[in-house]
Amino acid sequence: MSWFRVRLTEEEQRIVAAERESHPESHVRRKMLALWSLHCGLKRRQAAQVVGVGLATVERYVAAYRDGGLEGLRRWNVQGPVSDLAAYRDVIRASFENQPVRTTAEACERIYQLTGLRRGLSQTRKFLKDMGLQWQRVRALPVPPKKTWRSTSPSRLGFTMSN
């Protein structure tokens, strides 16, 4: 990559000065501050320290400005990986809303039956959380204690007690 000196036109200076302080996206404000620092004569390493990013990041900002101008610098094409389960999101949600599961292992098995895709416990938890489903804690209902075991009739317990 050849060395590229940042020189902003009057119009670009006005836009960068405004956007480095008031743009709604923090990453664009950071890019504009780096560009402004370079325009004002700072070296790239110094601009990286001022902005709080690495030298390689400032190099990428300069390359984006060189290739696409301010519009290229504003561009933010971050895309994360897409889960294979995303295609089955509606089917999984409908199944879990009709018949909730009790454990993550049961959720893994149900997802496997619905989609044919086997996922681990952690991946399943994250996927369900990202879908907006929440785990509900289930506890036993409090029941008043029995006075003694002998006061309970054996027929109600399902077993007989021997003396």
Protein backbone atom coordinates (compact mmCIF):
# COMPACT_ATOMS: atom_id res chain seq x y z
CA MET A 1 0.00 0.00 0.00
CA SER A 2 1.45 3.33 -0.97
CA TRP A 3 1.51 6.19 1.46
CA PHE A 4 -1.61 8.34 1.23
CA ARG A 5 -1.69 11.84 2.70
CA VAL A 6 -5.09 12.93 3.99
CA ARG A 7 -6.11 16.35 2.70
CA LEU A 8 -9.74 17.33 3.16
CA THR A 9 -11.54 19.86 0.98
CA GLU A 10 -13.40 22.77 2.58
CA GLU A 11 -16.70 20.91 2.30
CA GLU A 12 -15.21 17.70 3.72
CA GLN A 13 -13.67 19.64 6.60
CA ARG A 14 -17.08 21.05 7.50
CA ILE A 15 -18.72 17.60 7.34
CA VAL A 16 -15.96 15.85 9.31
CA ALA A 17 -15.91 18.57 11.98
CA ALA A 18 -19.65 18.17 12.47
CA GLU A 19 -19.76 14.37 12.37
CA ARG A 20 -16.81 13.74 14.67
CA GLU A 21 -18.85 15.20 17.52
CA SER A 22 -22.48 14.63 16.67
CA HIS A 23 -22.88 11.55 14.47
CA PRO A 24 -25.28 9.06 16.08
CA GLU A 25 -22.91 6.10 15.56
CA SER A 26 -19.84 5.97 17.83
CA HIS A 27 -17.72 4.07 15.29
CA VAL A 28 -18.33 6.82 12.68
CA ARG A 29 -17.38 9.52 15.23
CA ARG A 30 -14.17 7.58 15.93
CA LYS A 31 -13.37 7.34 12.21
CA MET A 32 -14.03 11.03 11.65
CA LEU A 33 -11.80 11.97 14.60
CA ALA A 34 -8.98 9.86 13.15
CA LEU A 35 -9.44 11.47 9.74
CA TRP A 36 -9.51 14.96 11.27
CA SER A 37 -6.33 14.24 13.26
CA LEU A 38 -4.55 13.09 10.11
CA HIS A 39 -5.76 16.14 8.22
CA CYS A 40 -4.40 18.38 10.99
CA GLY A 41 -0.92 16.90 10.55
CA LEU A 42 -0.66 14.15 13.15
CA LYS A 43 1.17 10.99 12.17
CA ARG A 44 -0.89 7.83 11.96
CA ARG A 45 0.53 6.37 15.16
CA GLN A 46 -0.29 9.61 17.02
CA ALA A 47 -3.80 9.67 15.54
CA ALA A 48 -4.30 6.08 16.70
CA GLN A 49 -3.34 7.08 20.25
CA VAL A 50 -5.67 10.09 20.18
CA VAL A 51 -8.61 8.03 18.94
CA GLY A 52 -7.79 5.03 21.13
CA VAL A 53 -7.42 2.43 18.39
CA GLY A 54 -4.49 0.57 16.88
CA LEU A 55 -2.31 1.69 14.02
CA ALA A 56 -3.74 -1.00 11.74
CA THR A 57 -7.24 0.32 12.41
CA VAL A 58 -6.21 3.84 11.38
CA GLU A 59 -4.68 2.34 8.24
CA ARG A 60 -8.03 0.69 7.45
CA TYR A 61 -9.80 4.03 8.01
CA VAL A 62 -7.41 5.76 5.59
CA ALA A 63 -7.88 2.98 3.01
CA ALA A 64 -11.66 3.29 3.32
CA TYR A 65 -11.44 7.06 2.83
CA ARG A 66 -9.04 6.68 -0.11
CA ASP A 67 -11.29 4.14 -1.85
CA GLY A 68 -14.71 5.58 -1.10
CA GLY A 69 -14.35 9.08 0.32
CA LEU A 70 -16.44 10.06 3.34
CA GLU A 71 -19.21 7.70 2.29
CA GLY A 72 -16.72 4.83 2.24
CA LEU A 73 -15.56 5.83 5.71
CA ARG A 74 -19.14 5.85 7.04
CA ARG A 75 -19.86 2.37 5.71
CA TRP A 76 -20.17 -0.29 8.38
CA ASN A 77 -20.43 -3.77 6.88
CA VAL A 78 -20.15 -5.94 9.95
CA GLN A 79 -21.85 -9.29 9.55
CA GLY A 80 -21.55 -12.07 12.04
CA PRO A 81 -22.04 -15.73 11.33
CA VAL A 82 -25.62 -16.90 10.80
CA SER A 83 -26.76 -20.02 12.59
CA ASP A 84 -28.12 -22.95 10.60
CA LEU A 85 -31.01 -22.97 13.07
CA ALA A 86 -32.10 -19.49 11.92
CA ALA A 87 -34.01 -21.03 9.01
CA TYR A 88 -36.09 -23.04 11.51
CA ARG A 89 -36.68 -20.19 13.98
CA ASP A 90 -40.47 -20.02 13.49
CA VAL A 91 -40.94 -23.79 13.68
CA ILE A 92 -38.89 -24.03 16.89
CA ARG A 93 -40.69 -21.08 18.51
CA ALA A 94 -44.12 -22.52 17.70
CA SER A 95 -43.15 -25.93 19.05
CA PHE A 96 -41.79 -24.50 22.32
CA GLU A 97 -44.77 -22.20 22.81
CA ASN A 98 -47.24 -25.07 22.28
CA GLN A 99 -45.35 -27.47 24.51
CA PRO A 100 -42.60 -25.93 26.70
CA VAL A 101 -39.55 -27.99 27.60
CA ARG A 102 -38.26 -28.53 31.13
CA THR A 103 -34.52 -28.81 30.53
CA THR A 104 -31.92 -27.71 28.04
CA ALA A 105 -31.24 -31.33 27.16
CA GLU A 106 -34.91 -31.76 26.29
CA ALA A 107 -34.72 -28.59 24.16
CA CYS A 108 -31.67 -30.01 22.34
CA GLU A 109 -33.54 -33.22 21.60
CA ARG A 110 -36.67 -31.40 20.41
CA ILE A 111 -34.61 -29.17 18.11
CA TYR A 112 -32.92 -32.27 16.71
CA GLN A 113 -36.32 -33.90 16.06
CA LEU A 114 -37.66 -30.75 14.37
CA THR A 115 -34.64 -29.81 12.28
CA GLY A 116 -32.22 -32.73 12.15
CA LEU A 117 -29.50 -30.42 13.49
CA ARG A 118 -27.79 -31.49 16.69
CA ARG A 119 -26.50 -28.70 18.93
CA GLY A 120 -24.83 -28.70 22.34
CA LEU A 121 -26.33 -27.37 25.55
CA SER A 122 -24.57 -24.00 25.43
CA GLN A 123 -25.45 -23.37 21.79
CA THR A 124 -29.06 -24.31 22.44
CA ARG A 125 -29.30 -21.99 25.45
CA LYS A 126 -27.85 -19.10 23.46
CA PHE A 127 -30.11 -19.73 20.47
CA LEU A 128 -33.25 -19.85 22.62
CA LYS A 129 -32.22 -16.73 24.52
CA ASP A 130 -31.58 -14.88 21.25
CA MET A 131 -35.10 -15.90 20.14
CA GLY A 132 -36.47 -14.19 23.25
CA LEU A 133 -37.42 -17.33 25.15
CA GLN A 134 -36.63 -17.34 28.86
CA TRP A 135 -36.10 -20.17 31.27
CA GLN A 136 -38.66 -20.15 34.05
CA ARG A 137 -37.65 -21.46 37.42
CA VAL A 138 -40.03 -24.14 38.58
CA ARG A 139 -40.23 -24.97 42.25
CA ALA A 140 -42.32 -27.32 44.28
CA LEU A 141 -45.46 -25.90 45.80
CA PRO A 142 -45.19 -25.59 49.57
CA VAL A 143 -47.44 -28.09 51.32
CA PRO A 144 -48.09 -28.04 55.03
CA PRO A 145 -46.08 -30.81 56.70
CA LYS A 146 -47.76 -33.91 58.04
CA LYS A 147 -47.75 -34.28 61.81
CA THR A 148 -46.43 -37.84 61.71
CA TRP A 149 -46.01 -40.54 59.14
CA ARG A 150 -48.35 -42.79 61.11
CA SER A 151 -51.21 -40.32 60.83
CA THR A 152 -51.22 -40.77 57.08
CA SER A 153 -53.20 -43.68 55.84
CA PRO A 154 -51.09 -46.26 53.97
CA SER A 155 -53.58 -46.46 51.14
CA ARG A 156 -52.94 -42.83 50.21
CA LEU A 157 -49.16 -43.26 50.22
CA GLY A 158 -49.09 -46.08 47.76
CA PHE A 159 -47.03 -48.33 49.98
CA THR A 160 -47.51 -50.08 53.30
CA MET A 161 -45.41 -49.55 56.40
CA SER A 162 -44.29 -52.48 58.47
CA ASN A 163 -43.68 -52.24 62.23
